[in-house]
N, C-alpha and C. Protein backbone atom coordinates (compact mmCIF):
# COMPACT_ATOMS: atom_id res chain seq x y z
N MET A 1 58.04 98.10 77.60
CA MET A 1 57.03 99.14 78.15
C MET A 1 55.47 99.57 78.06
N LYS A 2 56.22 99.80 76.07
CA LYS A 2 55.77 100.11 75.61
C LYS A 2 54.41 99.55 74.62
N SER A 3 55.04 98.57 74.91
CA SER A 3 54.33 97.35 74.35
C SER A 3 52.54 96.99 75.36
N ALA A 4 52.95 97.05 76.74
CA ALA A 4 52.44 97.03 77.58
C ALA A 4 51.33 98.06 78.04
N GLY A 5 50.80 99.43 76.86
CA GLY A 5 50.58 100.47 77.39
C GLY A 5 50.82 101.05 77.73
N ILE A 6 52.02 101.22 78.35
CA ILE A 6 52.95 102.64 79.89
C ILE A 6 53.25 103.22 78.48
N ASP A 7 53.39 104.95 78.95
CA ASP A 7 53.71 106.40 78.07
C ASP A 7 55.50 105.82 77.95
N VAL A 8 56.06 106.50 77.32
CA VAL A 8 57.56 106.36 77.93
C VAL A 8 57.94 107.49 77.53
N LYS A 9 58.94 108.63 78.10
CA LYS A 9 59.51 109.55 77.41
C LYS A 9 61.27 108.91 77.56
N VAL A 10 61.96 109.33 76.49
CA VAL A 10 63.24 108.82 76.18
C VAL A 10 64.41 110.58 76.26
N GLY A 11 64.39 110.23 76.26
CA GLY A 11 65.69 111.95 76.05
C GLY A 11 65.21 112.91 77.89
N PHE A 12 63.82 112.76 78.08
CA PHE A 12 63.98 113.80 79.17
C PHE A 12 65.34 114.14 80.33
N LEU A 13 65.25 115.80 80.43
CA LEU A 13 66.85 115.77 81.87
C LEU A 13 67.13 115.04 81.18
N GLU A 14 67.92 114.40 79.37
CA GLU A 14 68.99 113.87 79.50
C GLU A 14 70.66 114.40 79.81
N ASN A 15 70.95 115.67 79.63
CA ASN A 15 72.05 116.32 79.84
C ASN A 15 72.41 116.25 81.70
N GLU A 16 70.92 116.75 82.23
CA GLU A 16 71.14 116.64 83.47
C GLU A 16 71.22 114.99 83.99
N CYS A 17 70.86 114.12 84.02
CA CYS A 17 71.13 113.01 84.11
C CYS A 17 72.56 112.73 83.86
N LYS A 18 73.02 112.96 82.23
CA LYS A 18 74.76 112.55 81.82
C LYS A 18 75.35 113.45 83.14
N PHE A 19 74.93 114.87 84.06
CA PHE A 19 75.78 114.87 84.35
C PHE A 19 76.69 114.93 85.84
N LEU A 20 74.90 114.05 86.12
CA LEU A 20 74.48 113.81 87.37
C LEU A 20 76.27 112.31 87.90
N ASN A 21 76.03 111.56 86.65
CA ASN A 21 76.65 110.03 87.03
C ASN A 21 77.58 109.89 85.43
N ARG A 22 78.16 111.47 85.79
CA ARG A 22 79.51 111.56 84.67
C ARG A 22 81.07 110.90 85.35
N ARG A 23 80.78 110.10 86.95
CA ARG A 23 82.21 109.68 87.00
C ARG A 23 81.46 108.13 87.01
N PHE A 24 80.13 107.79 86.44
CA PHE A 24 79.86 105.87 86.31
C PHE A 24 80.92 106.73 84.38
N LEU A 25 79.49 107.14 84.31
CA LEU A 25 79.89 107.09 82.53
C LEU A 25 81.64 107.57 81.86
N THR A 26 82.23 108.78 82.78
CA THR A 26 83.63 108.96 82.00
C THR A 26 84.45 107.16 82.27
N PHE A 27 84.54 106.31 82.96
CA PHE A 27 85.28 105.25 83.69
C PHE A 27 84.28 104.22 82.33
N HIS A 28 83.12 104.18 82.58
CA HIS A 28 82.47 103.20 81.23
C HIS A 28 82.64 103.41 80.17
N GLU A 29 82.80 104.65 79.81
CA GLU A 29 82.42 105.07 78.78
C GLU A 29 83.72 105.49 77.04
N LYS A 30 84.80 106.04 78.31
CA LYS A 30 85.94 105.56 78.27
C LYS A 30 87.43 105.69 79.12
N ASN A 31 86.84 104.78 79.33
CA ASN A 31 87.68 103.93 80.22
C ASN A 31 89.09 104.53 80.99
N ARG A 32 88.63 105.17 81.57
CA ARG A 32 88.93 106.28 82.54
C ARG A 32 88.36 106.70 83.42
N PRO A 33 89.25 107.18 84.44
CA PRO A 33 88.91 107.89 86.03
C PRO A 33 88.28 108.90 85.29
N TYR A 34 87.28 109.40 85.68
CA TYR A 34 86.90 111.31 86.39
C TYR A 34 87.67 111.70 86.98
N VAL A 35 88.40 112.92 86.15
CA VAL A 35 89.64 113.62 86.50
C VAL A 35 89.28 114.44 87.16
N ILE A 36 89.84 116.01 88.63
CA ILE A 36 88.86 117.45 88.50
C ILE A 36 90.48 118.00 88.92
N LEU A 37 90.75 118.88 88.08
CA LEU A 37 91.49 119.74 88.87
C LEU A 37 90.95 120.51 89.65
N LYS A 38 92.32 121.09 90.97
CA LYS A 38 91.35 122.07 91.03
C LYS A 38 92.78 122.40 92.40
N TRP A 39 93.11 124.51 92.13
CA TRP A 39 94.30 125.06 92.13
C TRP A 39 93.87 126.70 92.77
N ALA A 40 94.57 127.09 94.30
CA ALA A 40 94.51 128.19 94.00
C ALA A 40 95.06 129.60 92.99
N GLU A 41 94.76 130.46 92.47
CA GLU A 41 96.08 131.57 92.47
C GLU A 41 95.70 132.61 92.47
N THR A 42 96.12 133.51 92.29
CA THR A 42 96.34 134.52 92.41
C THR A 42 95.31 135.45 91.48
N SER A 43 94.65 137.16 91.68
CA SER A 43 94.50 137.50 90.16
C SER A 43 95.54 137.66 89.18
N ASP A 44 97.29 137.47 89.57
CA ASP A 44 98.10 137.83 88.83
C ASP A 44 98.56 136.47 88.18
N GLY A 45 98.24 135.20 88.50
CA GLY A 45 98.20 134.36 88.14
C GLY A 45 99.41 133.51 88.72
N PHE A 46 99.92 133.70 89.77
CA PHE A 46 100.85 132.88 90.91
C PHE A 46 99.80 131.76 91.25
N ILE A 47 100.24 130.75 91.26
CA ILE A 47 99.86 129.19 92.40
C ILE A 47 100.66 129.40 93.64
N ASP A 48 101.53 130.09 94.11
CA ASP A 48 102.59 129.46 95.61
C ASP A 48 104.16 130.33 94.97
N ASP A 49 104.66 130.91 96.27
CA ASP A 49 105.59 131.50 96.59
C ASP A 49 106.82 130.32 96.36
N GLU A 50 107.90 130.77 96.07
CA GLU A 50 108.85 129.60 96.49
C GLU A 50 109.41 129.47 98.28
N ARG A 51 109.19 128.64 98.17
CA ARG A 51 109.21 128.25 99.75
C ARG A 51 110.05 127.23 99.93
N LYS A 52 110.73 126.89 101.04
CA LYS A 52 111.51 125.95 101.40
C LYS A 52 110.60 124.51 102.83
N PRO A 53 110.65 124.09 102.76
CA PRO A 53 110.40 122.66 103.43
C PRO A 53 110.29 123.13 105.29
N GLY A 54 109.51 122.90 105.93
CA GLY A 54 108.73 122.91 107.18
C GLY A 54 109.24 124.59 107.39
N LEU A 55 110.17 125.09 106.86
CA LEU A 55 110.14 126.79 107.14
C LEU A 55 108.92 127.57 107.07
N SER A 56 108.16 127.75 106.43
CA SER A 56 107.35 128.51 105.56
C SER A 56 105.92 128.18 105.78
N ARG A 57 104.62 128.59 106.22
CA ARG A 57 103.51 128.17 105.50
C ARG A 57 102.79 128.46 104.02
N PRO A 58 101.67 127.44 103.74
CA PRO A 58 101.78 128.27 102.71
C PRO A 58 100.59 129.70 102.75
N ALA A 59 100.58 129.89 101.20
CA ALA A 59 99.92 131.50 101.89
C ALA A 59 98.42 131.12 101.03
N TRP A 60 96.99 131.11 101.91
CA TRP A 60 95.80 131.25 101.55
C TRP A 60 95.70 131.94 100.72
N ILE A 61 95.45 131.73 99.49
CA ILE A 61 95.37 132.58 98.33
C ILE A 61 93.43 132.42 98.60
N ALA A 62 92.93 130.71 98.16
CA ALA A 62 91.49 131.03 98.81
C ALA A 62 91.17 131.78 100.02
N GLY A 63 90.40 132.36 100.10
CA GLY A 63 89.26 132.77 101.67
C GLY A 63 88.64 131.87 102.09
N GLU A 64 87.96 132.10 103.43
CA GLU A 64 86.61 130.99 104.55
C GLU A 64 86.33 130.50 103.65
N LEU A 65 85.44 131.56 102.46
CA LEU A 65 84.02 130.68 102.08
C LEU A 65 84.87 129.38 101.21
N ALA A 66 85.60 129.56 100.77
CA ALA A 66 85.91 129.02 99.33
C ALA A 66 86.33 127.49 99.83
N ARG A 67 86.83 127.32 101.57
CA ARG A 67 86.79 126.19 102.22
C ARG A 67 86.23 125.15 101.78
N PRO A 68 85.24 125.47 102.48
CA PRO A 68 83.60 124.34 102.99
C PRO A 68 83.44 124.13 100.78
N LEU A 69 83.61 124.38 100.38
CA LEU A 69 83.47 124.07 98.79
C LEU A 69 84.33 122.60 98.30
N VAL A 70 85.60 122.87 98.82
CA VAL A 70 87.02 122.48 98.64
C VAL A 70 86.44 121.16 99.50
N HIS A 71 86.17 120.76 100.46
CA HIS A 71 85.70 120.16 101.10
C HIS A 71 84.56 118.65 101.20
N LYS A 72 83.69 120.19 100.20
CA LYS A 72 82.39 118.95 100.33
C LYS A 72 83.23 118.52 98.55
N TRP A 73 83.74 119.23 97.82
CA TRP A 73 84.61 118.82 96.15
C TRP A 73 84.78 117.17 97.14
N ARG A 74 86.09 117.45 97.75
CA ARG A 74 86.85 116.63 98.14
C ARG A 74 86.02 115.26 98.99
N SER A 75 85.27 115.38 99.41
CA SER A 75 84.38 114.09 100.10
C SER A 75 83.28 113.79 98.98
N GLU A 76 83.07 114.33 97.58
CA GLU A 76 82.21 113.25 96.58
C GLU A 76 83.45 113.04 95.64
N GLU A 77 84.53 112.66 95.63
CA GLU A 77 85.82 111.75 94.99
C GLU A 77 86.01 110.91 96.26
N GLN A 78 86.67 109.97 95.23
CA GLN A 78 87.45 108.89 95.86
C GLN A 78 89.00 109.31 96.11
N ALA A 79 88.95 109.71 95.38
CA ALA A 79 90.99 110.19 95.82
C ALA A 79 91.12 111.97 95.57
N ILE A 80 92.69 111.46 96.28
CA ILE A 80 93.07 113.14 95.81
C ILE A 80 94.19 112.90 95.63
N LEU A 81 95.22 114.12 94.91
CA LEU A 81 96.36 113.44 94.23
C LEU A 81 97.25 114.39 94.31
N VAL A 82 98.80 114.68 95.12
CA VAL A 82 98.93 116.32 95.43
C VAL A 82 100.69 115.55 95.12
N GLY A 83 101.57 116.45 93.96
CA GLY A 83 103.05 116.28 93.75
C GLY A 83 103.67 116.11 94.89
N THR A 84 104.98 115.15 94.84
CA THR A 84 105.58 115.61 95.96
C THR A 84 106.18 116.90 96.86
N ASN A 85 106.54 118.79 95.93
CA ASN A 85 106.19 119.22 96.43
C ASN A 85 105.69 119.64 97.39
N THR A 86 104.28 119.65 96.46
CA THR A 86 103.38 120.27 97.86
C THR A 86 103.81 119.41 99.07
N ALA A 87 103.47 117.42 98.80
CA ALA A 87 103.71 116.85 100.48
C ALA A 87 104.63 118.20 100.82
N LEU A 88 105.83 117.75 100.47
CA LEU A 88 106.82 118.45 101.35
C LEU A 88 106.70 119.73 102.13
N LEU A 89 106.52 120.70 100.89
CA LEU A 89 106.12 122.27 101.62
C LEU A 89 104.72 122.39 102.14
N ASP A 90 103.86 121.69 101.73
CA ASP A 90 102.59 121.96 103.13
C ASP A 90 101.65 120.67 104.24
N ASN A 91 102.84 119.65 104.04
CA ASN A 91 102.29 118.75 104.54
C ASN A 91 100.60 118.36 104.97
N PRO A 92 100.30 118.45 103.35
CA PRO A 92 98.37 118.61 103.68
C PRO A 92 97.65 117.32 104.30
N MET A 93 96.74 116.92 105.52
CA MET A 93 96.29 116.57 105.20
C MET A 93 94.97 115.31 104.53
N LEU A 94 94.28 116.86 103.45
CA LEU A 94 93.83 116.39 102.35
C LEU A 94 92.84 115.28 102.86
N ASN A 95 92.00 115.65 104.11
CA ASN A 95 91.03 114.83 104.56
C ASN A 95 89.45 115.95 104.35
N VAL A 96 88.34 115.59 104.89
CA VAL A 96 87.51 116.77 104.72
C VAL A 96 87.04 117.34 106.16
N ARG A 97 87.14 118.55 106.26
CA ARG A 97 87.08 119.30 107.98
C ARG A 97 86.10 120.03 107.97
N ASP A 98 85.38 121.08 106.48
CA ASP A 98 84.79 121.95 107.25
C ASP A 98 83.67 121.85 106.10
N TRP A 99 83.60 119.97 105.67
CA TRP A 99 82.24 119.46 105.40
C TRP A 99 81.89 118.18 105.82
N SER A 100 80.67 117.63 106.10
CA SER A 100 81.02 116.39 105.99
C SER A 100 80.42 115.37 105.23
N GLY A 101 80.89 114.31 105.15
CA GLY A 101 81.27 113.31 103.92
C GLY A 101 82.11 112.50 104.27
N LYS A 102 83.06 111.59 103.43
CA LYS A 102 83.75 110.54 103.73
C LYS A 102 85.36 111.32 102.65
N ASN A 103 85.79 110.52 103.61
CA ASN A 103 87.47 111.59 102.73
C ASN A 103 88.41 110.50 101.85
N PRO A 104 88.25 111.22 101.17
CA PRO A 104 89.10 110.74 99.97
C PRO A 104 90.75 110.11 100.25
N ILE A 105 91.14 108.85 98.98
CA ILE A 105 92.16 108.41 99.17
C ILE A 105 93.09 108.95 98.92
N ARG A 106 94.20 109.25 99.80
CA ARG A 106 95.09 109.99 99.52
C ARG A 106 95.88 109.71 98.84
N MET A 107 96.91 110.40 98.05
CA MET A 107 98.30 109.46 96.60
C MET A 107 99.05 110.84 96.92
N VAL A 108 99.91 110.37 95.93
CA VAL A 108 101.23 111.76 95.48
C VAL A 108 101.76 111.10 95.56
N ILE A 109 102.50 111.61 94.26
CA ILE A 109 103.40 111.12 93.01
C ILE A 109 104.53 111.66 93.29
N ASP A 110 105.82 110.43 94.10
CA ASP A 110 107.08 111.16 95.14
C ASP A 110 107.60 109.76 93.41
N ARG A 111 108.26 109.91 92.84
CA ARG A 111 109.12 109.62 92.04
C ARG A 111 110.57 108.97 92.28
N THR A 112 110.98 109.69 93.29
CA THR A 112 112.87 110.13 94.26
C THR A 112 111.99 109.17 95.27
N LEU A 113 111.19 108.93 95.91
CA LEU A 113 110.78 108.09 97.38
C LEU A 113 111.32 109.31 97.71
N ARG A 114 111.33 110.60 97.73
CA ARG A 114 112.39 111.02 99.15
C ARG A 114 111.17 111.59 100.41
N LEU A 115 110.37 111.42 99.64
CA LEU A 115 109.45 111.78 100.81
C LEU A 115 109.95 111.25 102.46
N PRO A 116 109.19 112.39 103.17
CA PRO A 116 109.36 111.42 104.93
C PRO A 116 108.34 110.92 104.88
N LYS A 117 108.34 109.34 105.80
CA LYS A 117 107.29 109.12 106.30
C LYS A 117 106.73 109.50 107.31
N ASN A 118 106.74 110.43 107.71
CA ASN A 118 106.09 111.39 109.05
C ASN A 118 104.95 112.00 108.76
N LEU A 119 104.53 112.73 107.10
CA LEU A 119 104.47 113.20 106.66
C LEU A 119 102.58 112.76 107.37
N ASN A 120 101.95 114.24 107.12
CA ASN A 120 100.54 113.43 106.96
C ASN A 120 99.52 112.91 106.08
N LEU A 121 100.28 112.15 104.81
CA LEU A 121 99.79 111.72 104.12
C LEU A 121 99.73 110.03 104.49
N PHE A 122 101.15 109.94 104.89
CA PHE A 122 101.32 108.43 105.49
C PHE A 122 100.52 108.26 107.01
N ASP A 123 99.81 108.40 107.39
CA ASP A 123 99.89 108.72 109.13
C ASP A 123 98.30 107.95 109.00
N LYS A 124 97.68 106.80 108.23
CA LYS A 124 97.25 106.20 108.71
C LYS A 124 95.81 106.66 108.98
N SER A 125 95.88 107.50 109.31
CA SER A 125 93.92 108.15 110.24
C SER A 125 93.46 108.14 108.88
N GLN A 126 93.62 108.24 107.46
CA GLN A 126 92.55 107.57 106.43
C GLN A 126 92.10 106.38 105.93
N GLN A 127 91.81 105.56 106.96
CA GLN A 127 91.89 104.30 106.49
C GLN A 127 90.43 103.60 105.51
N PRO A 128 90.66 102.98 104.74
CA PRO A 128 89.64 102.75 103.03
C PRO A 128 88.46 101.50 104.70
């Protein structure tokens, strides 16, 4: 383009462009997926009380104003992953409700295959 007489600027908004394309760049430059870690925590460092499956509801740590942001983040990612205990205790839907957008693929780590098939994670309501 320079040889054709076109004024070319290099590095213009470079950091902003890298941020905008961070998922793509992480995959192609680092050969791994872009990963976001998210959790809610009390001011004294607790994540959740000890609960028994089906006997109590999770305590909402984040307020009502945070929910749309969390659902916005979900709509921007390809997948969402939880562990066995979260699946058993919370039976999360892991879909986008308080924001408009595409639902992520739901994933769960269950090393011993002990999760019951009636959990929301397995209801096939979010087919790709």
